[in-house]
Amino acid sequence: MKQCIKIIITGQVQSLSYKEVIQKQAQKLHIEGTLQNHEGDDILIFACGQSDNLDELIDHIYKGTSDIKIRDVVIEPFINEKNFRGVFRVIG
């Protein structure tokens, strides 16, 4: 079943390599949405896809990379009113 979630990753996570890792994983899992900078050093993700694939993306987010420090990951459902056109983009 297709779902949409909003993810806020807090900490020192403003790394281009980390964003690219998330984007590649989302594309591999056929997840559409966006990733963008959020308040301070945080990242905001909107992701839509099959629930199992979203779970796998979340696991991947928690793994991180060696150049970041995750403090918290907040996940909540959201109603998709955007047309992501089937792709996952990094904005900004």
N, C-alpha and C. Protein backbone atom coordinates (compact mmCIF):
# COMPACT_ATOMS: atom_id res chain seq x y z
N MET A 1 0.83 -1.18 0.00
CA MET A 1 0.00 0.00 0.00
C MET A 1 0.88 1.25 0.00
N LYS A 2 0.52 2.22 -0.83
CA LYS A 2 1.31 3.45 -0.92
C LYS A 2 0.98 4.37 0.25
N GLN A 3 2.03 4.95 0.83
CA GLN A 3 1.92 5.88 1.95
C GLN A 3 2.80 7.08 1.67
N CYS A 4 2.54 8.16 2.41
CA CYS A 4 3.41 9.33 2.37
C CYS A 4 3.78 9.69 3.80
N ILE A 5 5.07 9.99 3.99
CA ILE A 5 5.55 10.37 5.31
C ILE A 5 6.42 11.61 5.23
N LYS A 6 6.48 12.31 6.34
CA LYS A 6 7.36 13.47 6.51
C LYS A 6 8.41 13.04 7.53
N ILE A 7 9.68 13.27 7.20
CA ILE A 7 10.78 12.89 8.08
C ILE A 7 11.62 14.12 8.36
N ILE A 8 11.89 14.37 9.62
CA ILE A 8 12.81 15.44 9.99
C ILE A 8 13.99 14.79 10.71
N ILE A 9 15.18 14.98 10.15
CA ILE A 9 16.40 14.44 10.72
C ILE A 9 17.13 15.59 11.39
N THR A 10 17.34 15.51 12.70
CA THR A 10 18.02 16.58 13.42
C THR A 10 19.42 16.14 13.82
N GLY A 11 20.28 17.13 13.96
CA GLY A 11 21.67 16.89 14.32
C GLY A 11 22.58 17.61 13.34
N GLN A 12 23.78 17.12 13.25
CA GLN A 12 24.73 17.66 12.27
C GLN A 12 24.67 16.76 11.05
N VAL A 13 23.68 17.02 10.20
CA VAL A 13 23.41 16.13 9.07
C VAL A 13 23.49 16.83 7.72
N GLN A 14 23.98 18.05 7.69
CA GLN A 14 24.09 18.81 6.43
C GLN A 14 25.34 18.40 5.67
N SER A 15 25.33 17.18 5.17
CA SER A 15 26.44 16.66 4.39
C SER A 15 25.93 16.29 3.00
N LEU A 16 26.61 16.77 1.98
CA LEU A 16 26.20 16.46 0.61
C LEU A 16 26.23 14.95 0.37
N SER A 17 27.25 14.27 0.89
CA SER A 17 27.33 12.83 0.66
C SER A 17 26.16 12.10 1.33
N TYR A 18 25.74 12.56 2.51
CA TYR A 18 24.60 11.93 3.19
C TYR A 18 23.33 12.14 2.39
N LYS A 19 23.13 13.34 1.88
CA LYS A 19 21.95 13.61 1.07
C LYS A 19 21.94 12.74 -0.19
N GLU A 20 23.09 12.58 -0.80
CA GLU A 20 23.19 11.74 -2.01
C GLU A 20 22.90 10.28 -1.69
N VAL A 21 23.36 9.82 -0.52
CA VAL A 21 23.10 8.44 -0.11
C VAL A 21 21.60 8.22 0.06
N ILE A 22 20.93 9.17 0.70
CA ILE A 22 19.47 9.05 0.89
C ILE A 22 18.77 9.09 -0.46
N GLN A 23 19.17 10.01 -1.33
CA GLN A 23 18.54 10.12 -2.64
C GLN A 23 18.70 8.82 -3.45
N LYS A 24 19.89 8.26 -3.48
CA LYS A 24 20.12 7.03 -4.24
C LYS A 24 19.29 5.88 -3.68
N GLN A 25 19.20 5.80 -2.35
CA GLN A 25 18.41 4.73 -1.74
C GLN A 25 16.93 4.90 -2.07
N ALA A 26 16.44 6.14 -2.00
CA ALA A 26 15.03 6.40 -2.33
C ALA A 26 14.74 6.03 -3.78
N GLN A 27 15.63 6.38 -4.68
CA GLN A 27 15.44 6.05 -6.09
C GLN A 27 15.46 4.54 -6.29
N LYS A 28 16.37 3.85 -5.62
CA LYS A 28 16.46 2.39 -5.71
C LYS A 28 15.16 1.74 -5.25
N LEU A 29 14.52 2.33 -4.24
CA LEU A 29 13.30 1.78 -3.65
C LEU A 29 12.02 2.31 -4.32
N HIS A 30 12.18 3.07 -5.40
CA HIS A 30 11.04 3.64 -6.14
C HIS A 30 10.18 4.54 -5.24
N ILE A 31 10.86 5.34 -4.43
CA ILE A 31 10.19 6.31 -3.56
C ILE A 31 10.28 7.66 -4.23
N GLU A 32 9.17 8.38 -4.26
CA GLU A 32 9.17 9.73 -4.81
C GLU A 32 9.06 10.73 -3.69
N GLY A 33 9.60 11.95 -3.92
CA GLY A 33 9.50 12.99 -2.91
C GLY A 33 10.64 13.99 -3.01
N THR A 34 10.91 14.64 -1.89
CA THR A 34 11.96 15.66 -1.85
C THR A 34 12.75 15.57 -0.55
N LEU A 35 13.97 16.06 -0.63
CA LEU A 35 14.85 16.22 0.53
C LEU A 35 15.37 17.64 0.46
N GLN A 36 15.30 18.36 1.57
CA GLN A 36 15.78 19.74 1.58
C GLN A 36 16.31 20.11 2.95
N ASN A 37 17.11 21.17 2.97
CA ASN A 37 17.60 21.70 4.24
C ASN A 37 16.41 22.19 5.05
N HIS A 38 16.55 22.08 6.35
CA HIS A 38 15.50 22.53 7.27
C HIS A 38 16.18 23.41 8.31
N GLU A 39 15.48 23.78 9.32
CA GLU A 39 16.01 24.68 10.36
C GLU A 39 17.40 24.24 10.83
N GLY A 40 18.31 25.20 10.90
CA GLY A 40 19.67 24.89 11.37
C GLY A 40 20.36 23.89 10.47
N ASP A 41 20.81 22.80 11.08
CA ASP A 41 21.53 21.76 10.34
C ASP A 41 20.65 20.55 10.06
N ASP A 42 19.35 20.72 10.13
CA ASP A 42 18.42 19.60 9.97
C ASP A 42 18.07 19.37 8.50
N ILE A 43 17.46 18.21 8.24
CA ILE A 43 17.01 17.84 6.90
C ILE A 43 15.53 17.50 6.99
N LEU A 44 14.76 17.95 5.99
CA LEU A 44 13.34 17.65 5.88
C LEU A 44 13.12 16.80 4.63
N ILE A 45 12.43 15.69 4.81
CA ILE A 45 12.14 14.78 3.70
C ILE A 45 10.64 14.55 3.61
N PHE A 46 10.12 14.63 2.39
CA PHE A 46 8.77 14.18 2.09
C PHE A 46 8.95 12.97 1.18
N ALA A 47 8.38 11.83 1.56
CA ALA A 47 8.59 10.60 0.81
C ALA A 47 7.27 9.84 0.65
N CYS A 48 7.02 9.36 -0.57
CA CYS A 48 5.83 8.57 -0.85
C CYS A 48 6.25 7.29 -1.57
N GLY A 49 5.70 6.18 -1.11
CA GLY A 49 6.02 4.90 -1.72
C GLY A 49 5.34 3.77 -1.00
N GLN A 50 5.68 2.55 -1.38
CA GLN A 50 5.15 1.38 -0.70
C GLN A 50 5.66 1.35 0.74
N SER A 51 4.81 0.94 1.67
CA SER A 51 5.17 1.01 3.09
C SER A 51 6.43 0.23 3.42
N ASP A 52 6.63 -0.94 2.81
CA ASP A 52 7.86 -1.72 3.07
C ASP A 52 9.09 -0.96 2.60
N ASN A 53 8.97 -0.29 1.46
CA ASN A 53 10.10 0.48 0.93
C ASN A 53 10.39 1.69 1.80
N LEU A 54 9.35 2.33 2.32
CA LEU A 54 9.56 3.46 3.23
C LEU A 54 10.26 3.00 4.51
N ASP A 55 9.87 1.82 5.02
CA ASP A 55 10.54 1.27 6.20
C ASP A 55 12.03 1.04 5.93
N GLU A 56 12.33 0.54 4.74
CA GLU A 56 13.73 0.30 4.37
C GLU A 56 14.50 1.62 4.25
N LEU A 57 13.85 2.65 3.70
CA LEU A 57 14.49 3.97 3.61
C LEU A 57 14.78 4.51 5.01
N ILE A 58 13.83 4.37 5.92
CA ILE A 58 14.02 4.85 7.29
C ILE A 58 15.20 4.13 7.95
N ASP A 59 15.29 2.82 7.77
CA ASP A 59 16.44 2.07 8.30
C ASP A 59 17.74 2.63 7.74
N HIS A 60 17.74 2.94 6.45
CA HIS A 60 18.93 3.48 5.79
C HIS A 60 19.30 4.86 6.35
N ILE A 61 18.28 5.66 6.63
CA ILE A 61 18.51 7.00 7.20
C ILE A 61 19.20 6.88 8.56
N TYR A 62 18.74 5.95 9.38
CA TYR A 62 19.33 5.76 10.70
C TYR A 62 20.79 5.31 10.64
N LYS A 63 21.16 4.56 9.60
CA LYS A 63 22.55 4.10 9.46
C LYS A 63 23.50 5.28 9.29
N GLY A 64 23.05 6.31 8.55
CA GLY A 64 23.85 7.51 8.36
C GLY A 64 25.13 7.26 7.59
N THR A 65 26.04 8.21 7.70
CA THR A 65 27.37 8.10 7.12
C THR A 65 28.36 8.58 8.18
N SER A 66 29.63 8.38 7.92
CA SER A 66 30.66 8.71 8.93
C SER A 66 30.80 10.20 9.19
N ASP A 67 30.32 11.05 8.28
CA ASP A 67 30.52 12.49 8.44
C ASP A 67 29.32 13.22 9.03
N ILE A 68 28.35 12.50 9.59
CA ILE A 68 27.18 13.15 10.19
C ILE A 68 26.96 12.65 11.61
N LYS A 69 26.16 13.40 12.37
CA LYS A 69 25.77 13.00 13.72
C LYS A 69 24.27 13.22 13.87
N ILE A 70 23.52 12.12 13.84
CA ILE A 70 22.07 12.18 13.98
C ILE A 70 21.71 12.31 15.45
N ARG A 71 20.91 13.31 15.77
CA ARG A 71 20.40 13.48 17.13
C ARG A 71 19.03 12.82 17.26
N ASP A 72 18.17 13.00 16.24
CA ASP A 72 16.81 12.47 16.31
C ASP A 72 16.24 12.36 14.91
N VAL A 73 15.30 11.44 14.75
CA VAL A 73 14.56 11.29 13.50
C VAL A 73 13.08 11.27 13.87
N VAL A 74 12.34 12.25 13.36
CA VAL A 74 10.90 12.35 13.62
C VAL A 74 10.17 11.98 12.34
N ILE A 75 9.24 11.03 12.46
CA ILE A 75 8.51 10.55 11.29
C ILE A 75 7.02 10.69 11.58
N GLU A 76 6.31 11.29 10.62
CA GLU A 76 4.86 11.41 10.76
C GLU A 76 4.21 11.28 9.39
N PRO A 77 2.99 10.76 9.35
CA PRO A 77 2.29 10.65 8.06
C PRO A 77 1.88 12.03 7.58
N PHE A 78 1.71 12.16 6.27
CA PHE A 78 1.17 13.39 5.71
C PHE A 78 0.35 13.06 4.48
N ILE A 79 -0.58 13.93 4.19
CA ILE A 79 -1.41 13.76 3.00
C ILE A 79 -0.71 14.47 1.85
N ASN A 80 -0.39 13.73 0.83
CA ASN A 80 0.35 14.27 -0.30
C ASN A 80 -0.55 15.13 -1.18
N GLU A 81 -0.25 16.41 -1.22
CA GLU A 81 -0.96 17.32 -2.11
C GLU A 81 -0.04 17.82 -3.23
N LYS A 82 1.16 17.23 -3.30
CA LYS A 82 2.14 17.63 -4.31
C LYS A 82 2.25 16.53 -5.35
N ASN A 83 2.66 16.91 -6.54
CA ASN A 83 2.94 15.94 -7.58
C ASN A 83 4.46 15.82 -7.70
N PHE A 84 5.01 14.75 -7.15
CA PHE A 84 6.45 14.55 -7.19
C PHE A 84 6.91 13.98 -8.54
N ARG A 85 5.96 13.66 -9.39
CA ARG A 85 6.21 13.17 -10.75
C ARG A 85 7.08 11.92 -10.79
N GLY A 86 6.95 11.10 -9.74
CA GLY A 86 7.64 9.82 -9.74
C GLY A 86 9.13 9.86 -9.45
N VAL A 87 9.66 11.01 -9.02
CA VAL A 87 11.10 11.10 -8.75
C VAL A 87 11.36 11.58 -7.32
N PHE A 88 12.59 11.36 -6.88
CA PHE A 88 13.04 11.85 -5.58
C PHE A 88 14.13 12.86 -5.83
N ARG A 89 13.91 14.11 -5.38
CA ARG A 89 14.84 15.21 -5.67
C ARG A 89 15.46 15.76 -4.39
N VAL A 90 16.70 16.20 -4.50
CA VAL A 90 17.33 17.01 -3.46
C VAL A 90 17.15 18.44 -3.88
N ILE A 91 16.55 19.25 -2.99
CA ILE A 91 16.29 20.67 -3.27
C ILE A 91 17.26 21.51 -2.47
N GLY A 92 17.94 22.42 -3.14
CA GLY A 92 18.83 23.35 -2.45
C GLY A 92 20.16 22.84 -2.09
